[in-house]
Amino acid sequence: MKLDRTAWIAHLEAISEALLPSGPPVSLCLIGSAACLLEAMPGRSSRDLDVWQPASDFDRLELKRAVESAGLLFDPREQLDPDRPYVQIITPGPSQTAPFTPVLWARMGRLHIYLPPWPNLIASKLARGDERDVEDVIFLASRHRVTAEAVKACADAMPEPAREQVLENLVYLQILKP
């Protein structure tokens, strides 16, 4: 089951409402398809929201309770239910990005949603480089006027082999130039 922007925003609101009424902000930095969803990419949907652990700040037990209260699976590692969307906690490993300072997208009560800067997100998608990632790159780069130079600067701060993959895939940004 894949959800669109409207459905994911409703789930984020439900998570916010399920959080305890007081305490520090619950800061989630969303990566991957979530940024495209939140930016209203036409036709984009996803079965999951990827939370980038290094740029997020939350109490795991409180977040788990709120996510499950919203009807989602929380950080499933072994078996997925094809009918239930989920929130996945992502740590460095297969997913790579250059260091960045998250950018606030929205506040929903104690829930604060952040995204990476666009060049960082584009670089991480180019590191993976599958067909859907390329579509996301083209959408984000054209919508936010991200230059190949800005993406290259992010790539230069990424570990190998991700760095080399981004540099090879920068050609996809060339189709956006007039």
N, C-alpha and C. Protein backbone atom coordinates (compact mmCIF):
# COMPACT_ATOMS: atom_id res chain seq x y z
N MET A 1 0.84 -1.17 0.00
CA MET A 1 0.00 0.00 0.00
C MET A 1 0.89 1.24 0.00
N LYS A 2 0.78 2.05 -1.03
CA LYS A 2 1.54 3.29 -1.13
C LYS A 2 0.61 4.46 -0.85
N LEU A 3 1.14 5.45 -0.14
CA LEU A 3 0.36 6.61 0.24
C LEU A 3 0.88 7.86 -0.48
N ASP A 4 -0.03 8.78 -0.77
CA ASP A 4 0.35 10.03 -1.40
C ASP A 4 0.61 11.11 -0.35
N ARG A 5 0.87 12.31 -0.82
CA ARG A 5 1.21 13.43 0.07
C ARG A 5 0.12 13.68 1.12
N THR A 6 -1.13 13.74 0.69
CA THR A 6 -2.22 14.02 1.61
C THR A 6 -2.31 12.97 2.72
N ALA A 7 -2.18 11.71 2.35
CA ALA A 7 -2.26 10.64 3.35
C ALA A 7 -1.09 10.69 4.32
N TRP A 8 0.13 10.95 3.81
CA TRP A 8 1.29 11.02 4.70
C TRP A 8 1.20 12.21 5.64
N ILE A 9 0.72 13.34 5.16
CA ILE A 9 0.57 14.50 6.05
C ILE A 9 -0.46 14.17 7.14
N ALA A 10 -1.53 13.49 6.78
CA ALA A 10 -2.52 13.08 7.79
C ALA A 10 -1.88 12.16 8.82
N HIS A 11 -1.02 11.25 8.39
CA HIS A 11 -0.33 10.36 9.34
C HIS A 11 0.63 11.15 10.23
N LEU A 12 1.33 12.11 9.66
CA LEU A 12 2.22 12.94 10.48
C LEU A 12 1.42 13.73 11.52
N GLU A 13 0.26 14.23 11.13
CA GLU A 13 -0.60 14.93 12.09
C GLU A 13 -1.07 13.98 13.19
N ALA A 14 -1.41 12.75 12.82
CA ALA A 14 -1.84 11.76 13.81
C ALA A 14 -0.69 11.40 14.76
N ILE A 15 0.51 11.29 14.23
CA ILE A 15 1.68 11.04 15.09
C ILE A 15 1.85 12.20 16.06
N SER A 16 1.74 13.42 15.56
CA SER A 16 1.87 14.60 16.41
C SER A 16 0.85 14.59 17.54
N GLU A 17 -0.39 14.27 17.19
CA GLU A 17 -1.45 14.25 18.19
C GLU A 17 -1.26 13.14 19.22
N ALA A 18 -0.57 12.08 18.84
CA ALA A 18 -0.35 10.95 19.76
C ALA A 18 0.85 11.17 20.69
N LEU A 19 1.66 12.18 20.42
CA LEU A 19 2.79 12.46 21.30
C LEU A 19 2.29 13.01 22.62
N LEU A 20 3.08 12.82 23.66
CA LEU A 20 2.73 13.40 24.95
C LEU A 20 2.60 14.91 24.81
N PRO A 21 1.75 15.55 25.60
CA PRO A 21 1.51 16.98 25.41
C PRO A 21 2.69 17.87 25.78
N SER A 22 3.61 17.38 26.61
CA SER A 22 4.76 18.21 26.96
C SER A 22 6.04 17.43 26.79
N GLY A 23 7.11 18.17 26.67
CA GLY A 23 8.42 17.56 26.47
C GLY A 23 9.15 18.28 25.37
N PRO A 24 10.37 17.87 25.11
CA PRO A 24 11.14 18.52 24.05
C PRO A 24 10.55 18.20 22.68
N PRO A 25 10.92 18.99 21.67
CA PRO A 25 10.46 18.69 20.32
C PRO A 25 10.90 17.29 19.88
N VAL A 26 10.06 16.66 19.09
CA VAL A 26 10.40 15.39 18.44
C VAL A 26 10.78 15.79 17.02
N SER A 27 12.08 15.75 16.73
CA SER A 27 12.59 16.23 15.45
C SER A 27 12.91 15.06 14.54
N LEU A 28 12.25 15.02 13.39
CA LEU A 28 12.47 13.96 12.42
C LEU A 28 12.97 14.59 11.12
N CYS A 29 14.11 14.10 10.64
CA CYS A 29 14.64 14.53 9.36
C CYS A 29 14.29 13.45 8.34
N LEU A 30 13.41 13.77 7.42
CA LEU A 30 12.93 12.81 6.44
C LEU A 30 13.80 12.87 5.19
N ILE A 31 14.18 11.70 4.71
CA ILE A 31 14.99 11.61 3.49
C ILE A 31 14.24 10.74 2.49
N GLY A 32 14.85 10.53 1.35
CA GLY A 32 14.26 9.63 0.35
C GLY A 32 13.03 10.22 -0.30
N SER A 33 12.06 9.37 -0.56
CA SER A 33 10.86 9.79 -1.28
C SER A 33 10.01 10.78 -0.49
N ALA A 34 10.19 10.83 0.82
CA ALA A 34 9.38 11.73 1.64
C ALA A 34 9.50 13.18 1.19
N ALA A 35 10.71 13.60 0.85
CA ALA A 35 10.90 14.98 0.41
C ALA A 35 10.11 15.26 -0.87
N CYS A 36 10.11 14.31 -1.77
CA CYS A 36 9.35 14.49 -3.02
C CYS A 36 7.86 14.52 -2.73
N LEU A 37 7.41 13.67 -1.82
CA LEU A 37 6.01 13.67 -1.43
C LEU A 37 5.61 15.02 -0.83
N LEU A 38 6.42 15.48 0.12
CA LEU A 38 6.09 16.72 0.81
C LEU A 38 6.17 17.93 -0.12
N GLU A 39 6.98 17.84 -1.15
CA GLU A 39 7.10 18.91 -2.14
C GLU A 39 6.06 18.79 -3.25
N ALA A 40 5.14 17.85 -3.10
CA ALA A 40 4.00 17.67 -4.02
C ALA A 40 4.43 17.24 -5.42
N MET A 41 5.38 16.31 -5.50
CA MET A 41 5.77 15.77 -6.80
C MET A 41 4.58 15.02 -7.38
N PRO A 42 4.14 15.36 -8.58
CA PRO A 42 2.98 14.69 -9.17
C PRO A 42 3.18 13.17 -9.28
N GLY A 43 2.18 12.45 -8.81
CA GLY A 43 2.19 11.00 -8.92
C GLY A 43 3.09 10.27 -7.94
N ARG A 44 3.77 10.99 -7.06
CA ARG A 44 4.71 10.34 -6.13
C ARG A 44 3.94 9.78 -4.95
N SER A 45 4.25 8.55 -4.62
CA SER A 45 3.67 7.91 -3.45
C SER A 45 4.75 7.02 -2.84
N SER A 46 4.51 6.60 -1.62
CA SER A 46 5.50 5.77 -0.95
C SER A 46 4.83 4.93 0.13
N ARG A 47 5.42 3.81 0.38
CA ARG A 47 4.94 2.91 1.42
C ARG A 47 5.59 3.23 2.76
N ASP A 48 6.66 4.05 2.72
CA ASP A 48 7.38 4.32 3.97
C ASP A 48 7.85 5.77 4.03
N LEU A 49 8.15 6.19 5.25
CA LEU A 49 8.83 7.45 5.50
C LEU A 49 10.17 7.08 6.10
N ASP A 50 11.25 7.55 5.48
CA ASP A 50 12.59 7.27 5.98
C ASP A 50 13.04 8.42 6.86
N VAL A 51 13.39 8.10 8.11
CA VAL A 51 13.87 9.08 9.08
C VAL A 51 15.38 8.91 9.19
N TRP A 52 16.13 9.97 8.85
CA TRP A 52 17.59 9.95 8.92
C TRP A 52 18.01 10.15 10.37
N GLN A 53 18.43 9.07 11.01
CA GLN A 53 18.77 9.08 12.43
C GLN A 53 19.81 10.16 12.80
N PRO A 54 20.91 10.29 12.05
CA PRO A 54 21.93 11.26 12.48
C PRO A 54 21.44 12.71 12.57
N ALA A 55 20.39 13.07 11.85
CA ALA A 55 19.91 14.45 11.86
C ALA A 55 18.56 14.59 12.57
N SER A 56 18.15 13.55 13.31
CA SER A 56 16.88 13.55 14.02
C SER A 56 17.14 13.50 15.52
N ASP A 57 16.13 13.88 16.30
CA ASP A 57 16.25 13.84 17.76
C ASP A 57 14.88 13.46 18.32
N PHE A 58 14.82 12.26 18.90
CA PHE A 58 13.55 11.77 19.43
C PHE A 58 13.80 10.71 20.49
N ASP A 59 12.80 10.54 21.35
CA ASP A 59 12.80 9.43 22.29
C ASP A 59 12.19 8.25 21.54
N ARG A 60 12.95 7.20 21.38
CA ARG A 60 12.52 6.06 20.56
C ARG A 60 11.21 5.45 21.06
N LEU A 61 11.06 5.27 22.36
CA LEU A 61 9.83 4.66 22.87
C LEU A 61 8.61 5.55 22.65
N GLU A 62 8.77 6.86 22.87
CA GLU A 62 7.65 7.77 22.65
C GLU A 62 7.28 7.81 21.17
N LEU A 63 8.28 7.87 20.30
CA LEU A 63 7.98 7.91 18.86
C LEU A 63 7.33 6.61 18.41
N LYS A 64 7.82 5.49 18.88
CA LYS A 64 7.24 4.19 18.53
C LYS A 64 5.75 4.15 18.90
N ARG A 65 5.45 4.58 20.13
CA ARG A 65 4.06 4.58 20.58
C ARG A 65 3.19 5.48 19.71
N ALA A 66 3.70 6.66 19.35
CA ALA A 66 2.92 7.61 18.53
C ALA A 66 2.73 7.09 17.11
N VAL A 67 3.77 6.51 16.53
CA VAL A 67 3.68 5.97 15.17
C VAL A 67 2.67 4.82 15.12
N GLU A 68 2.76 3.92 16.07
CA GLU A 68 1.83 2.79 16.10
C GLU A 68 0.40 3.26 16.39
N SER A 69 0.25 4.30 17.21
CA SER A 69 -1.06 4.87 17.48
C SER A 69 -1.68 5.45 16.20
N ALA A 70 -0.82 5.92 15.29
CA ALA A 70 -1.29 6.47 14.02
C ALA A 70 -1.57 5.37 12.99
N GLY A 71 -1.44 4.10 13.40
CA GLY A 71 -1.76 2.98 12.50
C GLY A 71 -0.62 2.55 11.60
N LEU A 72 0.61 2.98 11.90
CA LEU A 72 1.77 2.64 11.09
C LEU A 72 2.66 1.65 11.82
N LEU A 73 3.45 0.93 11.06
CA LEU A 73 4.49 0.11 11.66
C LEU A 73 5.68 1.01 12.00
N PHE A 74 6.39 0.68 13.07
CA PHE A 74 7.55 1.45 13.45
C PHE A 74 8.82 0.65 13.26
N ASP A 75 9.68 1.13 12.40
CA ASP A 75 11.01 0.60 12.17
C ASP A 75 11.04 -0.93 12.04
N PRO A 76 10.21 -1.48 11.14
CA PRO A 76 10.22 -2.93 10.97
C PRO A 76 11.55 -3.38 10.37
N ARG A 77 12.09 -4.45 10.89
CA ARG A 77 13.39 -4.93 10.42
C ARG A 77 13.34 -6.31 9.80
N GLU A 78 12.33 -7.07 10.12
CA GLU A 78 12.33 -8.46 9.67
C GLU A 78 11.24 -8.77 8.67
N GLN A 79 10.03 -8.36 8.96
CA GLN A 79 8.93 -8.70 8.06
C GLN A 79 7.99 -7.53 7.94
N LEU A 80 7.64 -7.18 6.71
CA LEU A 80 6.72 -6.08 6.46
C LEU A 80 5.33 -6.62 6.17
N ASP A 81 4.35 -5.85 6.56
CA ASP A 81 2.96 -6.15 6.25
C ASP A 81 2.63 -5.35 4.99
N PRO A 82 2.29 -6.02 3.89
CA PRO A 82 2.07 -5.29 2.63
C PRO A 82 0.92 -4.29 2.69
N ASP A 83 0.06 -4.40 3.69
CA ASP A 83 -1.07 -3.49 3.80
C ASP A 83 -0.86 -2.36 4.79
N ARG A 84 0.32 -2.30 5.42
CA ARG A 84 0.56 -1.25 6.42
C ARG A 84 1.81 -0.45 6.07
N PRO A 85 1.63 0.85 5.89
CA PRO A 85 2.80 1.71 5.68
C PRO A 85 3.61 1.79 6.97
N TYR A 86 4.83 2.28 6.86
CA TYR A 86 5.71 2.27 8.02
C TYR A 86 6.67 3.45 8.05
N VAL A 87 7.20 3.69 9.24
CA VAL A 87 8.25 4.67 9.46
C VAL A 87 9.52 3.89 9.71
N GLN A 88 10.54 4.16 8.90
CA GLN A 88 11.81 3.43 8.98
C GLN A 88 12.91 4.36 9.49
N ILE A 89 13.67 3.91 10.47
CA ILE A 89 14.81 4.68 10.97
C ILE A 89 16.04 4.26 10.16
N ILE A 90 16.67 5.22 9.50
CA ILE A 90 17.79 4.95 8.60
C ILE A 90 19.09 5.48 9.22
N THR A 91 20.10 4.64 9.24
CA THR A 91 21.42 5.04 9.71
C THR A 91 22.41 4.96 8.56
N PRO A 92 23.55 5.62 8.67
CA PRO A 92 24.53 5.53 7.58
C PRO A 92 24.88 4.08 7.29
N GLY A 93 25.10 3.81 6.05
CA GLY A 93 25.38 2.45 5.56
C GLY A 93 25.07 2.47 4.09
N PRO A 94 24.04 1.72 3.67
CA PRO A 94 23.67 1.77 2.25
C PRO A 94 23.23 3.17 1.81
N SER A 95 22.58 3.90 2.72
CA SER A 95 22.20 5.28 2.40
C SER A 95 23.37 6.17 2.77
N GLN A 96 23.76 7.02 1.85
CA GLN A 96 24.90 7.91 2.08
C GLN A 96 24.51 9.34 1.77
N THR A 97 25.08 10.25 2.54
CA THR A 97 24.91 11.67 2.28
C THR A 97 26.11 12.41 2.84
N ALA A 98 26.33 13.60 2.34
CA ALA A 98 27.34 14.46 2.92
C ALA A 98 26.77 15.06 4.20
N PRO A 99 27.62 15.49 5.12
CA PRO A 99 27.09 16.14 6.33
C PRO A 99 26.23 17.35 5.96
N PHE A 100 25.18 17.59 6.74
CA PHE A 100 24.30 18.73 6.45
C PHE A 100 23.59 19.20 7.70
N THR A 101 23.08 20.41 7.63
CA THR A 101 22.23 20.96 8.67
C THR A 101 20.79 20.86 8.16
N PRO A 102 19.92 20.14 8.87
CA PRO A 102 18.54 19.97 8.40
C PRO A 102 17.80 21.31 8.30
N VAL A 103 16.83 21.35 7.38
CA VAL A 103 16.02 22.54 7.14
C VAL A 103 14.59 22.24 7.61
N LEU A 104 14.06 23.12 8.43
CA LEU A 104 12.70 22.93 8.94
C LEU A 104 11.69 22.98 7.81
N TRP A 105 10.82 21.95 7.73
CA TRP A 105 9.74 21.93 6.75
C TRP A 105 8.42 22.32 7.41
N ALA A 106 8.16 21.78 8.63
CA ALA A 106 6.90 22.08 9.31
C ALA A 106 7.01 21.76 10.80
N ARG A 107 6.22 22.50 11.57
CA ARG A 107 6.02 22.18 12.99
C ARG A 107 4.57 21.75 13.15
N MET A 108 4.39 20.64 13.82
CA MET A 108 3.05 20.13 14.12
C MET A 108 3.04 19.82 15.61
N GLY A 109 2.72 20.82 16.43
CA GLY A 109 2.83 20.63 17.87
C GLY A 109 4.28 20.35 18.23
N ARG A 110 4.52 19.27 18.96
CA ARG A 110 5.89 18.91 19.34
C ARG A 110 6.65 18.24 18.21
N LEU A 111 5.95 17.82 17.16
CA LEU A 111 6.60 17.15 16.04
C LEU A 111 7.15 18.20 15.07
N HIS A 112 8.47 18.17 14.88
CA HIS A 112 9.13 19.08 13.95
C HIS A 112 9.70 18.24 12.81
N ILE A 113 9.30 18.58 11.60
CA ILE A 113 9.72 17.83 10.42
C ILE A 113 10.79 18.63 9.68
N TYR A 114 11.90 17.97 9.43
CA TYR A 114 13.03 18.58 8.72
C TYR A 114 13.32 17.79 7.45
N LEU A 115 13.96 18.46 6.51
CA LEU A 115 14.45 17.83 5.28
C LEU A 115 15.91 18.21 5.12
N PRO A 116 16.68 17.40 4.38
CA PRO A 116 18.05 17.82 4.07
C PRO A 116 18.00 19.00 3.08
N PRO A 117 19.08 19.77 2.99
CA PRO A 117 19.15 20.76 1.91
C PRO A 117 19.04 20.03 0.57
N TRP A 118 18.46 20.67 -0.41
CA TRP A 118 18.19 20.02 -1.70
C TRP A 118 19.43 19.43 -2.35
N PRO A 119 20.58 20.13 -2.38
CA PRO A 119 21.76 19.50 -3.01
C PRO A 119 22.17 18.19 -2.32
N ASN A 120 22.05 18.14 -1.00
CA ASN A 120 22.39 16.91 -0.28
C ASN A 120 21.44 15.77 -0.63
N LEU A 121 20.16 16.09 -0.67
CA LEU A 121 19.18 15.06 -1.00
C LEU A 121 19.39 14.56 -2.42
N ILE A 122 19.63 15.47 -3.34
CA ILE A 122 19.87 15.07 -4.73
C ILE A 122 21.12 14.22 -4.84
N ALA A 123 22.19 14.61 -4.14
CA ALA A 123 23.42 13.81 -4.17
C ALA A 123 23.17 12.40 -3.64
N SER A 124 22.41 12.28 -2.56
CA SER A 124 22.16 10.94 -2.02
C SER A 124 21.33 10.09 -2.98
N LYS A 125 20.42 10.73 -3.71
CA LYS A 125 19.63 9.99 -4.71
C LYS A 125 20.49 9.59 -5.91
N LEU A 126 21.41 10.46 -6.30
CA LEU A 126 22.31 10.12 -7.41
C LEU A 126 23.29 9.02 -7.00
N ALA A 127 23.60 8.92 -5.72
CA ALA A 127 24.49 7.84 -5.26
C ALA A 127 23.83 6.49 -5.48
N ARG A 128 22.52 6.43 -5.27
CA ARG A 128 21.80 5.18 -5.51
C ARG A 128 21.48 5.02 -6.98
N GLY A 129 20.92 6.07 -7.57
CA GLY A 129 20.77 6.15 -9.01
C GLY A 129 19.81 5.21 -9.70
N ASP A 130 18.80 4.68 -8.99
CA ASP A 130 17.84 3.86 -9.73
C ASP A 130 16.87 4.77 -10.48
N GLU A 131 16.01 4.18 -11.28
CA GLU A 131 15.13 4.95 -12.17
C GLU A 131 14.26 5.93 -11.40
N ARG A 132 13.69 5.50 -10.30
CA ARG A 132 12.81 6.39 -9.51
C ARG A 132 13.61 7.53 -8.89
N ASP A 133 14.85 7.23 -8.45
CA ASP A 133 15.70 8.27 -7.89
C ASP A 133 16.02 9.34 -8.95
N VAL A 134 16.26 8.92 -10.16
CA VAL A 134 16.56 9.87 -11.24
C VAL A 134 15.35 10.77 -11.48
N GLU A 135 14.15 10.22 -11.47
CA GLU A 135 12.94 11.03 -11.61
C GLU A 135 12.85 12.05 -10.48
N ASP A 136 13.15 11.60 -9.26
CA ASP A 136 13.13 12.50 -8.10
C ASP A 136 14.15 13.62 -8.25
N VAL A 137 15.35 13.27 -8.72
CA VAL A 137 16.42 14.25 -8.92
C VAL A 137 15.98 15.32 -9.91
N ILE A 138 15.42 14.91 -11.01
CA ILE A 138 14.98 15.86 -12.03
C ILE A 138 13.90 16.78 -11.48
N PHE A 139 12.94 16.21 -10.74
CA PHE A 139 11.88 17.02 -10.14
C PHE A 139 12.46 18.02 -9.15
N LEU A 140 13.25 17.54 -8.20
CA LEU A 140 13.78 18.42 -7.15
C LEU A 140 14.73 19.48 -7.70
N ALA A 141 15.61 19.08 -8.62
CA ALA A 141 16.57 20.03 -9.17
C ALA A 141 15.87 21.13 -9.96
N SER A 142 14.85 20.77 -10.73
CA SER A 142 14.16 21.80 -11.51
C SER A 142 13.28 22.67 -10.61
N ARG A 143 12.64 22.09 -9.63
CA ARG A 143 11.76 22.85 -8.74
C ARG A 143 12.54 23.83 -7.87
N HIS A 144 13.72 23.42 -7.42
CA HIS A 144 14.49 24.25 -6.49
C HIS A 144 15.74 24.87 -7.11
N ARG A 145 15.88 24.72 -8.44
CA ARG A 145 17.00 25.31 -9.17
C ARG A 145 18.35 24.93 -8.57
N VAL A 146 18.52 23.66 -8.34
CA VAL A 146 19.77 23.14 -7.79
C VAL A 146 20.74 22.92 -8.93
N THR A 147 21.95 23.43 -8.77
CA THR A 147 22.95 23.31 -9.83
C THR A 147 23.79 22.04 -9.64
N ALA A 148 24.37 21.61 -10.75
CA ALA A 148 25.29 20.48 -10.70
C ALA A 148 26.48 20.79 -9.80
N GLU A 149 26.91 22.05 -9.76
CA GLU A 149 28.04 22.44 -8.92
C GLU A 149 27.70 22.25 -7.44
N ALA A 150 26.49 22.59 -7.04
CA ALA A 150 26.09 22.42 -5.63
C ALA A 150 26.04 20.94 -5.27
N VAL A 151 25.56 20.12 -6.18
CA VAL A 151 25.50 18.68 -5.94
C VAL A 151 26.91 18.10 -5.89
N LYS A 152 27.77 18.57 -6.78
CA LYS A 152 29.16 18.09 -6.79
C LYS A 152 29.86 18.43 -5.47
N ALA A 153 29.59 19.62 -4.93
CA ALA A 153 30.18 20.00 -3.65
C ALA A 153 29.75 19.02 -2.54
N CYS A 154 28.51 18.58 -2.58
CA CYS A 154 28.04 17.57 -1.61
C CYS A 154 28.75 16.24 -1.87
N ALA A 155 28.84 15.86 -3.11
CA ALA A 155 29.48 14.60 -3.47
C ALA A 155 30.92 14.56 -2.98
N ASP A 156 31.61 15.69 -3.06
CA ASP A 156 33.01 15.74 -2.63
C ASP A 156 33.16 15.43 -1.14
N ALA A 157 32.09 15.60 -0.36
CA ALA A 157 32.13 15.31 1.07
C ALA A 157 31.59 13.92 1.42
N MET A 158 31.21 13.16 0.41
CA MET A 158 30.66 11.82 0.64
C MET A 158 31.76 10.76 0.60
N PRO A 159 31.55 9.65 1.32
CA PRO A 159 32.54 8.56 1.27
C PRO A 159 32.45 7.82 -0.07
N GLU A 160 33.52 7.13 -0.40
CA GLU A 160 33.50 6.25 -1.57
C GLU A 160 32.75 4.98 -1.19
N PRO A 161 32.05 4.29 -2.07
CA PRO A 161 31.93 4.56 -3.49
C PRO A 161 30.81 5.53 -3.85
N ALA A 162 30.08 6.04 -2.83
CA ALA A 162 28.96 6.93 -3.11
C ALA A 162 29.42 8.17 -3.88
N ARG A 163 30.56 8.73 -3.48
CA ARG A 163 31.07 9.93 -4.15
C ARG A 163 31.23 9.70 -5.65
N GLU A 164 31.86 8.62 -6.01
CA GLU A 164 32.11 8.33 -7.42
C GLU A 164 30.80 8.11 -8.18
N GLN A 165 29.86 7.45 -7.55
CA GLN A 165 28.55 7.20 -8.19
C GLN A 165 27.81 8.51 -8.46
N VAL A 166 27.86 9.43 -7.49
CA VAL A 166 27.21 10.73 -7.70
C VAL A 166 27.86 11.46 -8.88
N LEU A 167 29.18 11.46 -8.91
CA LEU A 167 29.88 12.17 -10.00
C LEU A 167 29.54 11.56 -11.36
N GLU A 168 29.41 10.25 -11.42
CA GLU A 168 29.03 9.59 -12.68
C GLU A 168 27.60 9.95 -13.08
N ASN A 169 26.72 10.06 -12.10
CA ASN A 169 25.30 10.30 -12.40
C ASN A 169 24.94 11.78 -12.53
N LEU A 170 25.90 12.67 -12.33
CA LEU A 170 25.62 14.11 -12.49
C LEU A 170 25.12 14.46 -13.89
N VAL A 171 25.36 13.58 -14.84
CA VAL A 171 24.91 13.81 -16.21
C VAL A 171 23.38 14.03 -16.26
N TYR A 172 22.66 13.43 -15.32
CA TYR A 172 21.20 13.60 -15.32
C TYR A 172 20.78 15.05 -15.09
N LEU A 173 21.62 15.82 -14.40
CA LEU A 173 21.30 17.22 -14.20
C LEU A 173 21.54 18.04 -15.45
N GLN A 174 22.36 17.55 -16.36
CA GLN A 174 22.66 18.29 -17.58
C GLN A 174 21.41 18.45 -18.46
N ILE A 175 20.46 17.54 -18.37
CA ILE A 175 19.26 17.65 -19.21
C ILE A 175 18.38 18.81 -18.78
N LEU A 176 18.65 19.36 -17.60
CA LEU A 176 17.85 20.49 -17.12
C LEU A 176 18.35 21.83 -17.63
N LYS A 177 19.57 21.85 -18.18
CA LYS A 177 20.14 23.12 -18.65
C LYS A 177 19.51 23.50 -19.98
N PRO A 178 19.25 24.81 -20.17
CA PRO A 178 18.62 25.26 -21.43
C PRO A 178 19.54 25.09 -22.61
